[in-house]
């Protein structure tokens, strides 16, 4: 609302220990609402 042209980028980790299908769907729903401009994804790696 203050700065309509702001671009927000982030990164997300999938497959973190204990992540359930419900947790992952929560993330997808959150991303649909957040509408981030740039997103990087990573598979959890020990």
ModelCIF file with pLDDT and N, C-alpha, C, O atoms, coordinates in Angstrom:
data_MODEL
#
_entry.id   MODEL 
#
_entity.id                         1 
_entity.type                       polymer 
_entity.pdbx_number_of_molecules   1 
#
_entity_poly.entity_id                      1 
_entity_poly.type                           'polypeptide(L)' 
_entity_poly.nstd_linkage                   no 
_entity_poly.nstd_monomer                   no 
_entity_poly.pdbx_seq_one_letter_code       
;(UNK)(UNK)(UNK)(UNK)(UNK)(UNK)(UNK)(UNK)(UNK)(UNK)(UNK)(UNK)(UNK)(UNK)(UNK)(UNK)
(UNK)(UNK)(UNK)(UNK)(UNK)(UNK)(UNK)(UNK)(UNK)(UNK)(UNK)(UNK)(UNK)(UNK)(UNK)(UNK)
(UNK)(UNK)(UNK)(UNK)(UNK)(UNK)(UNK)(UNK)(UNK)(UNK)(UNK)(UNK)(UNK)(UNK)
;
_entity_poly.pdbx_seq_one_letter_code_can   XXXXXXXXXXXXXXXXXXXXXXXXXXXXXXXXXXXXXXXXXXXXXX 
_entity_poly.pdbx_strand_id                 A 
#
loop_
_entity_poly_seq.entity_id 
_entity_poly_seq.num 
_entity_poly_seq.mon_id 
_entity_poly_seq.hetero 
1 1  UNK n 
1 2  UNK n 
1 3  UNK n 
1 4  UNK n 
1 5  UNK n 
1 6  UNK n 
1 7  UNK n 
1 8  UNK n 
1 9  UNK n 
1 10 UNK n 
1 11 UNK n 
1 12 UNK n 
1 13 UNK n 
1 14 UNK n 
1 15 UNK n 
1 16 UNK n 
1 17 UNK n 
1 18 UNK n 
1 19 UNK n 
1 20 UNK n 
1 21 UNK n 
1 22 UNK n 
1 23 UNK n 
1 24 UNK n 
1 25 UNK n 
1 26 UNK n 
1 27 UNK n 
1 28 UNK n 
1 29 UNK n 
1 30 UNK n 
1 31 UNK n 
1 32 UNK n 
1 33 UNK n 
1 34 UNK n 
1 35 UNK n 
1 36 UNK n 
1 37 UNK n 
1 38 UNK n 
1 39 UNK n 
1 40 UNK n 
1 41 UNK n 
1 42 UNK n 
1 43 UNK n 
1 44 UNK n 
1 45 UNK n 
1 46 UNK n 
#
_struct_asym.id          A 
_struct_asym.entity_id   1 
#
loop_
_ma_qa_metric.id 
_ma_qa_metric.mode 
_ma_qa_metric.name 
_ma_qa_metric.software_group_id 
_ma_qa_metric.type 
1 global pLDDT . pLDDT 
2 local  pLDDT . pLDDT 
#
_ma_qa_metric_global.metric_id      1 
_ma_qa_metric_global.metric_value   95.59 
_ma_qa_metric_global.model_id       1 
_ma_qa_metric_global.ordinal_id     1 
#
loop_
_ma_qa_metric_local.label_asym_id 
_ma_qa_metric_local.label_comp_id 
_ma_qa_metric_local.label_seq_id 
_ma_qa_metric_local.metric_id 
_ma_qa_metric_local.metric_value 
_ma_qa_metric_local.model_id 
_ma_qa_metric_local.ordinal_id 
A UNK 1  2 97.00 1 1  
A UNK 2  2 97.00 1 2  
A UNK 3  2 97.00 1 3  
A UNK 4  2 96.00 1 4  
A UNK 5  2 96.00 1 5  
A UNK 6  2 97.00 1 6  
A UNK 7  2 97.00 1 7  
A UNK 8  2 97.00 1 8  
A UNK 9  2 97.00 1 9  
A UNK 10 2 96.00 1 10 
A UNK 11 2 94.00 1 11 
A UNK 12 2 96.00 1 12 
A UNK 13 2 95.00 1 13 
A UNK 14 2 96.00 1 14 
A UNK 15 2 96.00 1 15 
A UNK 16 2 95.00 1 16 
A UNK 17 2 95.00 1 17 
A UNK 18 2 95.00 1 18 
A UNK 19 2 97.00 1 19 
A UNK 20 2 97.00 1 20 
A UNK 21 2 97.00 1 21 
A UNK 22 2 97.00 1 22 
A UNK 23 2 97.00 1 23 
A UNK 24 2 98.00 1 24 
A UNK 25 2 98.00 1 25 
A UNK 26 2 97.00 1 26 
A UNK 27 2 97.00 1 27 
A UNK 28 2 98.00 1 28 
A UNK 29 2 97.00 1 29 
A UNK 30 2 96.00 1 30 
A UNK 31 2 97.00 1 31 
A UNK 32 2 97.00 1 32 
A UNK 33 2 96.00 1 33 
A UNK 34 2 96.00 1 34 
A UNK 35 2 97.00 1 35 
A UNK 36 2 97.00 1 36 
A UNK 37 2 97.00 1 37 
A UNK 38 2 96.00 1 38 
A UNK 39 2 96.00 1 39 
A UNK 40 2 94.00 1 40 
A UNK 41 2 94.00 1 41 
A UNK 42 2 92.00 1 42 
A UNK 43 2 93.00 1 43 
A UNK 44 2 92.00 1 44 
A UNK 45 2 87.00 1 45 
A UNK 46 2 81.00 1 46 
#
loop_
_atom_site.group_PDB 
_atom_site.id 
_atom_site.type_symbol 
_atom_site.label_atom_id 
_atom_site.label_alt_id 
_atom_site.label_comp_id 
_atom_site.label_asym_id 
_atom_site.label_entity_id 
_atom_site.label_seq_id 
_atom_site.pdbx_PDB_ins_code 
_atom_site.Cartn_x 
_atom_site.Cartn_y 
_atom_site.Cartn_z 
_atom_site.occupancy 
_atom_site.B_iso_or_equiv 
_atom_site.pdbx_formal_charge 
_atom_site.auth_seq_id 
_atom_site.auth_comp_id 
_atom_site.auth_asym_id 
_atom_site.auth_atom_id 
_atom_site.pdbx_PDB_model_num 
ATOM 1   N N  . UNK A 1 1  ? 0.830  -1.200  0.000  1.00 97.00 ? 1  UNK A N  1 
ATOM 2   C CA . UNK A 1 1  ? 0.000  0.000   0.000  1.00 97.00 ? 1  UNK A CA 1 
ATOM 3   C C  . UNK A 1 1  ? 0.870  1.258   0.000  1.00 97.00 ? 1  UNK A C  1 
ATOM 4   O O  . UNK A 1 1  ? 0.536  2.247   -0.652 1.00 97.00 ? 1  UNK A O  1 
ATOM 5   N N  . UNK A 1 2  ? 1.980  1.217   0.728  1.00 97.00 ? 2  UNK A N  1 
ATOM 6   C CA . UNK A 1 2  ? 2.896  2.360   0.785  1.00 97.00 ? 2  UNK A CA 1 
ATOM 7   C C  . UNK A 1 2  ? 3.724  2.464   -0.487 1.00 97.00 ? 2  UNK A C  1 
ATOM 8   O O  . UNK A 1 2  ? 3.911  3.555   -1.025 1.00 97.00 ? 2  UNK A O  1 
ATOM 9   N N  . UNK A 1 3  ? 4.217  1.335   -0.966 1.00 97.00 ? 3  UNK A N  1 
ATOM 10  C CA . UNK A 1 3  ? 5.099  1.304   -2.139 1.00 97.00 ? 3  UNK A CA 1 
ATOM 11  C C  . UNK A 1 3  ? 4.617  0.195   -3.078 1.00 97.00 ? 3  UNK A C  1 
ATOM 12  O O  . UNK A 1 3  ? 5.085  -0.939  -2.981 1.00 97.00 ? 3  UNK A O  1 
ATOM 13  N N  . UNK A 1 4  ? 3.688  0.509   -3.983 1.00 96.00 ? 4  UNK A N  1 
ATOM 14  C CA . UNK A 1 4  ? 3.104  -0.531  -4.849 1.00 96.00 ? 4  UNK A CA 1 
ATOM 15  C C  . UNK A 1 4  ? 4.114  -1.301  -5.693 1.00 96.00 ? 4  UNK A C  1 
ATOM 16  O O  . UNK A 1 4  ? 3.858  -2.446  -6.064 1.00 96.00 ? 4  UNK A O  1 
ATOM 17  N N  . UNK A 1 5  ? 5.263  -0.686  -6.002 1.00 96.00 ? 5  UNK A N  1 
ATOM 18  C CA . UNK A 1 5  ? 6.242  -1.353  -6.861 1.00 96.00 ? 5  UNK A CA 1 
ATOM 19  C C  . UNK A 1 5  ? 7.241  -2.213  -6.101 1.00 96.00 ? 5  UNK A C  1 
ATOM 20  O O  . UNK A 1 5  ? 8.166  -2.754  -6.708 1.00 96.00 ? 5  UNK A O  1 
ATOM 21  N N  . UNK A 1 6  ? 7.078  -2.352  -4.785 1.00 97.00 ? 6  UNK A N  1 
ATOM 22  C CA . UNK A 1 6  ? 8.056  -3.134  -4.030 1.00 97.00 ? 6  UNK A CA 1 
ATOM 23  C C  . UNK A 1 6  ? 8.079  -4.582  -4.526 1.00 97.00 ? 6  UNK A C  1 
ATOM 24  O O  . UNK A 1 6  ? 7.035  -5.197  -4.741 1.00 97.00 ? 6  UNK A O  1 
ATOM 25  N N  . UNK A 1 7  ? 9.287  -5.108  -4.703 1.00 97.00 ? 7  UNK A N  1 
ATOM 26  C CA . UNK A 1 7  ? 9.480  -6.510  -5.084 1.00 97.00 ? 7  UNK A CA 1 
ATOM 27  C C  . UNK A 1 7  ? 10.052 -7.252  -3.878 1.00 97.00 ? 7  UNK A C  1 
ATOM 28  O O  . UNK A 1 7  ? 11.039 -6.814  -3.288 1.00 97.00 ? 7  UNK A O  1 
ATOM 29  N N  . UNK A 1 8  ? 9.444  -8.356  -3.520 1.00 97.00 ? 8  UNK A N  1 
ATOM 30  C CA . UNK A 1 8  ? 9.909  -9.158  -2.394 1.00 97.00 ? 8  UNK A CA 1 
ATOM 31  C C  . UNK A 1 8  ? 10.356 -10.516 -2.912 1.00 97.00 ? 8  UNK A C  1 
ATOM 32  O O  . UNK A 1 8  ? 9.597  -11.231 -3.566 1.00 97.00 ? 8  UNK A O  1 
ATOM 33  N N  . UNK A 1 9  ? 11.600 -10.855 -2.607 1.00 97.00 ? 9  UNK A N  1 
ATOM 34  C CA . UNK A 1 9  ? 12.109 -12.167 -2.980 1.00 97.00 ? 9  UNK A CA 1 
ATOM 35  C C  . UNK A 1 9  ? 12.394 -12.961 -1.718 1.00 97.00 ? 9  UNK A C  1 
ATOM 36  O O  . UNK A 1 9  ? 12.671 -12.385 -0.665 1.00 97.00 ? 9  UNK A O  1 
ATOM 37  N N  . UNK A 1 10 ? 12.329 -14.276 -1.821 1.00 96.00 ? 10 UNK A N  1 
ATOM 38  C CA . UNK A 1 10 ? 12.650 -15.120 -0.685 1.00 96.00 ? 10 UNK A CA 1 
ATOM 39  C C  . UNK A 1 10 ? 13.053 -16.500 -1.179 1.00 96.00 ? 10 UNK A C  1 
ATOM 40  O O  . UNK A 1 10 ? 13.018 -16.783 -2.376 1.00 96.00 ? 10 UNK A O  1 
ATOM 41  N N  . UNK A 1 11 ? 13.430 -17.341 -0.249 1.00 94.00 ? 11 UNK A N  1 
ATOM 42  C CA . UNK A 1 11 ? 13.760 -18.732 -0.558 1.00 94.00 ? 11 UNK A CA 1 
ATOM 43  C C  . UNK A 1 11 ? 13.087 -19.624 0.477  1.00 94.00 ? 11 UNK A C  1 
ATOM 44  O O  . UNK A 1 11 ? 12.869 -19.229 1.622  1.00 94.00 ? 11 UNK A O  1 
ATOM 45  N N  . UNK A 1 12 ? 12.761 -20.851 0.037  1.00 96.00 ? 12 UNK A N  1 
ATOM 46  C CA . UNK A 1 12 ? 12.027 -21.784 0.882  1.00 96.00 ? 12 UNK A CA 1 
ATOM 47  C C  . UNK A 1 12 ? 12.649 -23.169 0.795  1.00 96.00 ? 12 UNK A C  1 
ATOM 48  O O  . UNK A 1 12 ? 13.122 -23.593 -0.260 1.00 96.00 ? 12 UNK A O  1 
ATOM 49  N N  . UNK A 1 13 ? 12.638 -23.857 1.918  1.00 95.00 ? 13 UNK A N  1 
ATOM 50  C CA . UNK A 1 13 ? 13.188 -25.209 2.018  1.00 95.00 ? 13 UNK A CA 1 
ATOM 51  C C  . UNK A 1 13 ? 12.033 -26.199 2.080  1.00 95.00 ? 13 UNK A C  1 
ATOM 52  O O  . UNK A 1 13 ? 11.137 -26.056 2.912  1.00 95.00 ? 13 UNK A O  1 
ATOM 53  N N  . UNK A 1 14 ? 12.047 -27.197 1.210  1.00 96.00 ? 14 UNK A N  1 
ATOM 54  C CA . UNK A 1 14 ? 11.044 -28.263 1.268  1.00 96.00 ? 14 UNK A CA 1 
ATOM 55  C C  . UNK A 1 14 ? 11.710 -29.537 1.765  1.00 96.00 ? 14 UNK A C  1 
ATOM 56  O O  . UNK A 1 14 ? 12.904 -29.750 1.554  1.00 96.00 ? 14 UNK A O  1 
ATOM 57  N N  . UNK A 1 15 ? 10.921 -30.385 2.430  1.00 96.00 ? 15 UNK A N  1 
ATOM 58  C CA . UNK A 1 15 ? 11.447 -31.647 2.918  1.00 96.00 ? 15 UNK A CA 1 
ATOM 59  C C  . UNK A 1 15 ? 12.229 -31.543 4.203  1.00 96.00 ? 15 UNK A C  1 
ATOM 60  O O  . UNK A 1 15 ? 13.022 -32.431 4.517  1.00 96.00 ? 15 UNK A O  1 
ATOM 61  N N  . UNK A 1 16 ? 12.019 -30.455 4.971  1.00 95.00 ? 16 UNK A N  1 
ATOM 62  C CA . UNK A 1 16 ? 12.684 -30.367 6.271  1.00 95.00 ? 16 UNK A CA 1 
ATOM 63  C C  . UNK A 1 16 ? 12.160 -31.494 7.166  1.00 95.00 ? 16 UNK A C  1 
ATOM 64  O O  . UNK A 1 16 ? 10.988 -31.856 7.063  1.00 95.00 ? 16 UNK A O  1 
ATOM 65  N N  . UNK A 1 17 ? 12.999 -32.055 8.039  1.00 95.00 ? 17 UNK A N  1 
ATOM 66  C CA . UNK A 1 17 ? 12.555 -33.161 8.882  1.00 95.00 ? 17 UNK A CA 1 
ATOM 67  C C  . UNK A 1 17 ? 11.228 -32.862 9.591  1.00 95.00 ? 17 UNK A C  1 
ATOM 68  O O  . UNK A 1 17 ? 11.069 -31.824 10.233 1.00 95.00 ? 17 UNK A O  1 
ATOM 69  N N  . UNK A 1 18 ? 10.289 -33.791 9.456  1.00 95.00 ? 18 UNK A N  1 
ATOM 70  C CA . UNK A 1 18 ? 8.995  -33.636 10.088 1.00 95.00 ? 18 UNK A CA 1 
ATOM 71  C C  . UNK A 1 18 ? 7.968  -32.901 9.253  1.00 95.00 ? 18 UNK A C  1 
ATOM 72  O O  . UNK A 1 18 ? 6.808  -32.814 9.654  1.00 95.00 ? 18 UNK A O  1 
ATOM 73  N N  . UNK A 1 19 ? 8.362  -32.360 8.085  1.00 97.00 ? 19 UNK A N  1 
ATOM 74  C CA . UNK A 1 19 ? 7.407  -31.655 7.234  1.00 97.00 ? 19 UNK A CA 1 
ATOM 75  C C  . UNK A 1 19 ? 6.368  -32.653 6.713  1.00 97.00 ? 19 UNK A C  1 
ATOM 76  O O  . UNK A 1 19 ? 6.711  -33.636 6.056  1.00 97.00 ? 19 UNK A O  1 
ATOM 77  N N  . UNK A 1 20 ? 5.107  -32.387 7.012  1.00 97.00 ? 20 UNK A N  1 
ATOM 78  C CA . UNK A 1 20 ? 4.030  -33.257 6.556  1.00 97.00 ? 20 UNK A CA 1 
ATOM 79  C C  . UNK A 1 20 ? 3.428  -32.705 5.266  1.00 97.00 ? 20 UNK A C  1 
ATOM 80  O O  . UNK A 1 20 ? 3.751  -31.596 4.840  1.00 97.00 ? 20 UNK A O  1 
ATOM 81  N N  . UNK A 1 21 ? 2.550  -33.495 4.656  1.00 97.00 ? 21 UNK A N  1 
ATOM 82  C CA . UNK A 1 21 ? 1.856  -33.013 3.472  1.00 97.00 ? 21 UNK A CA 1 
ATOM 83  C C  . UNK A 1 21 ? 1.000  -31.798 3.822  1.00 97.00 ? 21 UNK A C  1 
ATOM 84  O O  . UNK A 1 21 ? 0.885  -30.871 3.020  1.00 97.00 ? 21 UNK A O  1 
ATOM 85  N N  . UNK A 1 22 ? 0.406  -31.795 5.001  1.00 97.00 ? 22 UNK A N  1 
ATOM 86  C CA . UNK A 1 22 ? -0.382 -30.637 5.426  1.00 97.00 ? 22 UNK A CA 1 
ATOM 87  C C  . UNK A 1 22 ? 0.501  -29.398 5.579  1.00 97.00 ? 22 UNK A C  1 
ATOM 88  O O  . UNK A 1 22 ? 0.104  -28.294 5.206  1.00 97.00 ? 22 UNK A O  1 
ATOM 89  N N  . UNK A 1 23 ? 1.706  -29.593 6.132  1.00 97.00 ? 23 UNK A N  1 
ATOM 90  C CA . UNK A 1 23 ? 2.641  -28.468 6.257  1.00 97.00 ? 23 UNK A CA 1 
ATOM 91  C C  . UNK A 1 23 ? 2.980  -27.900 4.890  1.00 97.00 ? 23 UNK A C  1 
ATOM 92  O O  . UNK A 1 23 ? 3.006  -26.684 4.700  1.00 97.00 ? 23 UNK A O  1 
ATOM 93  N N  . UNK A 1 24 ? 3.239  -28.792 3.940  1.00 98.00 ? 24 UNK A N  1 
ATOM 94  C CA . UNK A 1 24 ? 3.628  -28.335 2.608  1.00 98.00 ? 24 UNK A CA 1 
ATOM 95  C C  . UNK A 1 24 ? 2.471  -27.612 1.922  1.00 98.00 ? 24 UNK A C  1 
ATOM 96  O O  . UNK A 1 24 ? 2.676  -26.585 1.275  1.00 98.00 ? 24 UNK A O  1 
ATOM 97  N N  . UNK A 1 25 ? 1.266  -28.141 2.061  1.00 98.00 ? 25 UNK A N  1 
ATOM 98  C CA . UNK A 1 25 ? 0.104  -27.468 1.473  1.00 98.00 ? 25 UNK A CA 1 
ATOM 99  C C  . UNK A 1 25 ? -0.113 -26.101 2.113  1.00 98.00 ? 25 UNK A C  1 
ATOM 100 O O  . UNK A 1 25 ? -0.534 -25.159 1.442  1.00 98.00 ? 25 UNK A O  1 
ATOM 101 N N  . UNK A 1 26 ? 0.175  -25.990 3.413  1.00 97.00 ? 26 UNK A N  1 
ATOM 102 C CA . UNK A 1 26 ? 0.088  -24.704 4.103  1.00 97.00 ? 26 UNK A CA 1 
ATOM 103 C C  . UNK A 1 26 ? 1.035  -23.718 3.431  1.00 97.00 ? 26 UNK A C  1 
ATOM 104 O O  . UNK A 1 26 ? 0.667  -22.570 3.180  1.00 97.00 ? 26 UNK A O  1 
ATOM 105 N N  . UNK A 1 27 ? 2.251  -24.164 3.142  1.00 97.00 ? 27 UNK A N  1 
ATOM 106 C CA . UNK A 1 27 ? 3.221  -23.307 2.465  1.00 97.00 ? 27 UNK A CA 1 
ATOM 107 C C  . UNK A 1 27 ? 2.702  -22.848 1.108  1.00 97.00 ? 27 UNK A C  1 
ATOM 108 O O  . UNK A 1 27 ? 2.797  -21.667 0.773  1.00 97.00 ? 27 UNK A O  1 
ATOM 109 N N  . UNK A 1 28 ? 2.152  -23.778 0.326  1.00 98.00 ? 28 UNK A N  1 
ATOM 110 C CA . UNK A 1 28 ? 1.630  -23.402 -0.996 1.00 98.00 ? 28 UNK A CA 1 
ATOM 111 C C  . UNK A 1 28 ? 0.488  -22.396 -0.881 1.00 98.00 ? 28 UNK A C  1 
ATOM 112 O O  . UNK A 1 28 ? 0.424  -21.441 -1.654 1.00 98.00 ? 28 UNK A O  1 
ATOM 113 N N  . UNK A 1 29 ? -0.409 -22.603 0.075  1.00 97.00 ? 29 UNK A N  1 
ATOM 114 C CA . UNK A 1 29 ? -1.510 -21.663 0.276  1.00 97.00 ? 29 UNK A CA 1 
ATOM 115 C C  . UNK A 1 29 ? -0.980 -20.295 0.692  1.00 97.00 ? 29 UNK A C  1 
ATOM 116 O O  . UNK A 1 29 ? -1.477 -19.262 0.243  1.00 97.00 ? 29 UNK A O  1 
ATOM 117 N N  . UNK A 1 30 ? 0.029  -20.299 1.551  1.00 96.00 ? 30 UNK A N  1 
ATOM 118 C CA . UNK A 1 30 ? 0.636  -19.037 2.011  1.00 96.00 ? 30 UNK A CA 1 
ATOM 119 C C  . UNK A 1 30 ? 1.258  -18.290 0.835  1.00 96.00 ? 30 UNK A C  1 
ATOM 120 O O  . UNK A 1 30 ? 1.121  -17.072 0.720  1.00 96.00 ? 30 UNK A O  1 
ATOM 121 N N  . UNK A 1 31 ? 1.941  -19.027 -0.033 1.00 97.00 ? 31 UNK A N  1 
ATOM 122 C CA . UNK A 1 31 ? 2.560  -18.398 -1.197 1.00 97.00 ? 31 UNK A CA 1 
ATOM 123 C C  . UNK A 1 31 ? 1.508  -17.818 -2.140 1.00 97.00 ? 31 UNK A C  1 
ATOM 124 O O  . UNK A 1 31 ? 1.723  -16.756 -2.725 1.00 97.00 ? 31 UNK A O  1 
ATOM 125 N N  . UNK A 1 32 ? 0.386  -18.495 -2.294 1.00 97.00 ? 32 UNK A N  1 
ATOM 126 C CA . UNK A 1 32 ? -0.687 -17.963 -3.145 1.00 97.00 ? 32 UNK A CA 1 
ATOM 127 C C  . UNK A 1 32 ? -1.188 -16.626 -2.601 1.00 97.00 ? 32 UNK A C  1 
ATOM 128 O O  . UNK A 1 32 ? -1.519 -15.720 -3.367 1.00 97.00 ? 32 UNK A O  1 
ATOM 129 N N  . UNK A 1 33 ? -1.241 -16.510 -1.279 1.00 96.00 ? 33 UNK A N  1 
ATOM 130 C CA . UNK A 1 33 ? -1.702 -15.255 -0.686 1.00 96.00 ? 33 UNK A CA 1 
ATOM 131 C C  . UNK A 1 33 ? -0.598 -14.206 -0.672 1.00 96.00 ? 33 UNK A C  1 
ATOM 132 O O  . UNK A 1 33 ? -0.860 -13.027 -0.908 1.00 96.00 ? 33 UNK A O  1 
ATOM 133 N N  . UNK A 1 34 ? 0.625  -14.622 -0.400 1.00 96.00 ? 34 UNK A N  1 
ATOM 134 C CA . UNK A 1 34 ? 1.735  -13.663 -0.303 1.00 96.00 ? 34 UNK A CA 1 
ATOM 135 C C  . UNK A 1 34 ? 2.098  -13.060 -1.648 1.00 96.00 ? 34 UNK A C  1 
ATOM 136 O O  . UNK A 1 34 ? 2.484  -11.893 -1.714 1.00 96.00 ? 34 UNK A O  1 
ATOM 137 N N  . UNK A 1 35 ? 1.981  -13.843 -2.737 1.00 97.00 ? 35 UNK A N  1 
ATOM 138 C CA . UNK A 1 35 ? 2.284  -13.343 -4.082 1.00 97.00 ? 35 UNK A CA 1 
ATOM 139 C C  . UNK A 1 35 ? 3.681  -12.698 -4.140 1.00 97.00 ? 35 UNK A C  1 
ATOM 140 O O  . UNK A 1 35 ? 3.837  -11.563 -4.591 1.00 97.00 ? 35 UNK A O  1 
ATOM 141 N N  . UNK A 1 36 ? 4.677  -13.441 -3.679 1.00 97.00 ? 36 UNK A N  1 
ATOM 142 C CA . UNK A 1 36 ? 6.050  -12.943 -3.730 1.00 97.00 ? 36 UNK A CA 1 
ATOM 143 C C  . UNK A 1 36 ? 6.512  -12.833 -5.178 1.00 97.00 ? 36 UNK A C  1 
ATOM 144 O O  . UNK A 1 36 ? 6.088  -13.596 -6.046 1.00 97.00 ? 36 UNK A O  1 
ATOM 145 N N  . UNK A 1 37 ? 7.395  -11.860 -5.417 1.00 97.00 ? 37 UNK A N  1 
ATOM 146 C CA . UNK A 1 37 ? 7.827  -11.590 -6.789 1.00 97.00 ? 37 UNK A CA 1 
ATOM 147 C C  . UNK A 1 37 ? 8.873  -12.575 -7.277 1.00 97.00 ? 37 UNK A C  1 
ATOM 148 O O  . UNK A 1 37 ? 8.838  -13.007 -8.429 1.00 97.00 ? 37 UNK A O  1 
ATOM 149 N N  . UNK A 1 38 ? 9.794  -12.926 -6.409 1.00 96.00 ? 38 UNK A N  1 
ATOM 150 C CA . UNK A 1 38 ? 10.883 -13.840 -6.772 1.00 96.00 ? 38 UNK A CA 1 
ATOM 151 C C  . UNK A 1 38 ? 11.036 -14.884 -5.682 1.00 96.00 ? 38 UNK A C  1 
ATOM 152 O O  . UNK A 1 38 ? 11.092 -14.544 -4.500 1.00 96.00 ? 38 UNK A O  1 
ATOM 153 N N  . UNK A 1 39 ? 11.105 -16.148 -6.065 1.00 96.00 ? 39 UNK A N  1 
ATOM 154 C CA . UNK A 1 39 ? 11.213 -17.221 -5.077 1.00 96.00 ? 39 UNK A CA 1 
ATOM 155 C C  . UNK A 1 39 ? 12.256 -18.240 -5.532 1.00 96.00 ? 39 UNK A C  1 
ATOM 156 O O  . UNK A 1 39 ? 12.270 -18.678 -6.683 1.00 96.00 ? 39 UNK A O  1 
ATOM 157 N N  . UNK A 1 40 ? 13.116 -18.598 -4.602 1.00 94.00 ? 40 UNK A N  1 
ATOM 158 C CA . UNK A 1 40 ? 14.050 -19.691 -4.821 1.00 94.00 ? 40 UNK A CA 1 
ATOM 159 C C  . UNK A 1 40 ? 13.650 -20.871 -3.960 1.00 94.00 ? 40 UNK A C  1 
ATOM 160 O O  . UNK A 1 40 ? 13.190 -20.683 -2.833 1.00 94.00 ? 40 UNK A O  1 
ATOM 161 N N  . UNK A 1 41 ? 13.817 -22.080 -4.464 1.00 94.00 ? 41 UNK A N  1 
ATOM 162 C CA . UNK A 1 41 ? 13.447 -23.269 -3.722 1.00 94.00 ? 41 UNK A CA 1 
ATOM 163 C C  . UNK A 1 41 ? 14.629 -24.196 -3.518 1.00 94.00 ? 41 UNK A C  1 
ATOM 164 O O  . UNK A 1 41 ? 15.501 -24.302 -4.380 1.00 94.00 ? 41 UNK A O  1 
ATOM 165 N N  . UNK A 1 42 ? 14.658 -24.864 -2.380 1.00 92.00 ? 42 UNK A N  1 
ATOM 166 C CA . UNK A 1 42 ? 15.740 -25.789 -2.059 1.00 92.00 ? 42 UNK A CA 1 
ATOM 167 C C  . UNK A 1 42 ? 15.174 -27.038 -1.412 1.00 92.00 ? 42 UNK A C  1 
ATOM 168 O O  . UNK A 1 42 ? 14.252 -26.964 -0.599 1.00 92.00 ? 42 UNK A O  1 
ATOM 169 N N  . UNK A 1 43 ? 15.720 -28.166 -1.768 1.00 93.00 ? 43 UNK A N  1 
ATOM 170 C CA . UNK A 1 43 ? 15.416 -29.398 -1.060 1.00 93.00 ? 43 UNK A CA 1 
ATOM 171 C C  . UNK A 1 43 ? 16.292 -29.448 0.185  1.00 93.00 ? 43 UNK A C  1 
ATOM 172 O O  . UNK A 1 43 ? 17.480 -29.134 0.121  1.00 93.00 ? 43 UNK A O  1 
ATOM 173 N N  . UNK A 1 44 ? 15.713 -29.841 1.319  1.00 92.00 ? 44 UNK A N  1 
ATOM 174 C CA . UNK A 1 44 ? 16.514 -29.910 2.543  1.00 92.00 ? 44 UNK A CA 1 
ATOM 175 C C  . UNK A 1 44 ? 17.691 -30.857 2.345  1.00 92.00 ? 44 UNK A C  1 
ATOM 176 O O  . UNK A 1 44 ? 17.544 -31.966 1.831  1.00 92.00 ? 44 UNK A O  1 
ATOM 177 N N  . UNK A 1 45 ? 18.837 -30.398 2.757  1.00 87.00 ? 45 UNK A N  1 
ATOM 178 C CA . UNK A 1 45 ? 20.071 -31.182 2.627  1.00 87.00 ? 45 UNK A CA 1 
ATOM 179 C C  . UNK A 1 45 ? 20.804 -31.156 3.955  1.00 87.00 ? 45 UNK A C  1 
ATOM 180 O O  . UNK A 1 45 ? 21.114 -30.073 4.451  1.00 87.00 ? 45 UNK A O  1 
ATOM 181 N N  . UNK A 1 46 ? 21.094 -32.309 4.552  1.00 81.00 ? 46 UNK A N  1 
ATOM 182 C CA . UNK A 1 46 ? 21.818 -32.320 5.827  1.00 81.00 ? 46 UNK A CA 1 
ATOM 183 C C  . UNK A 1 46 ? 23.179 -31.647 5.701  1.00 81.00 ? 46 UNK A C  1 
ATOM 184 O O  . UNK A 1 46 ? 23.921 -31.567 6.679  1.00 81.00 ? 46 UNK A O  1 
#
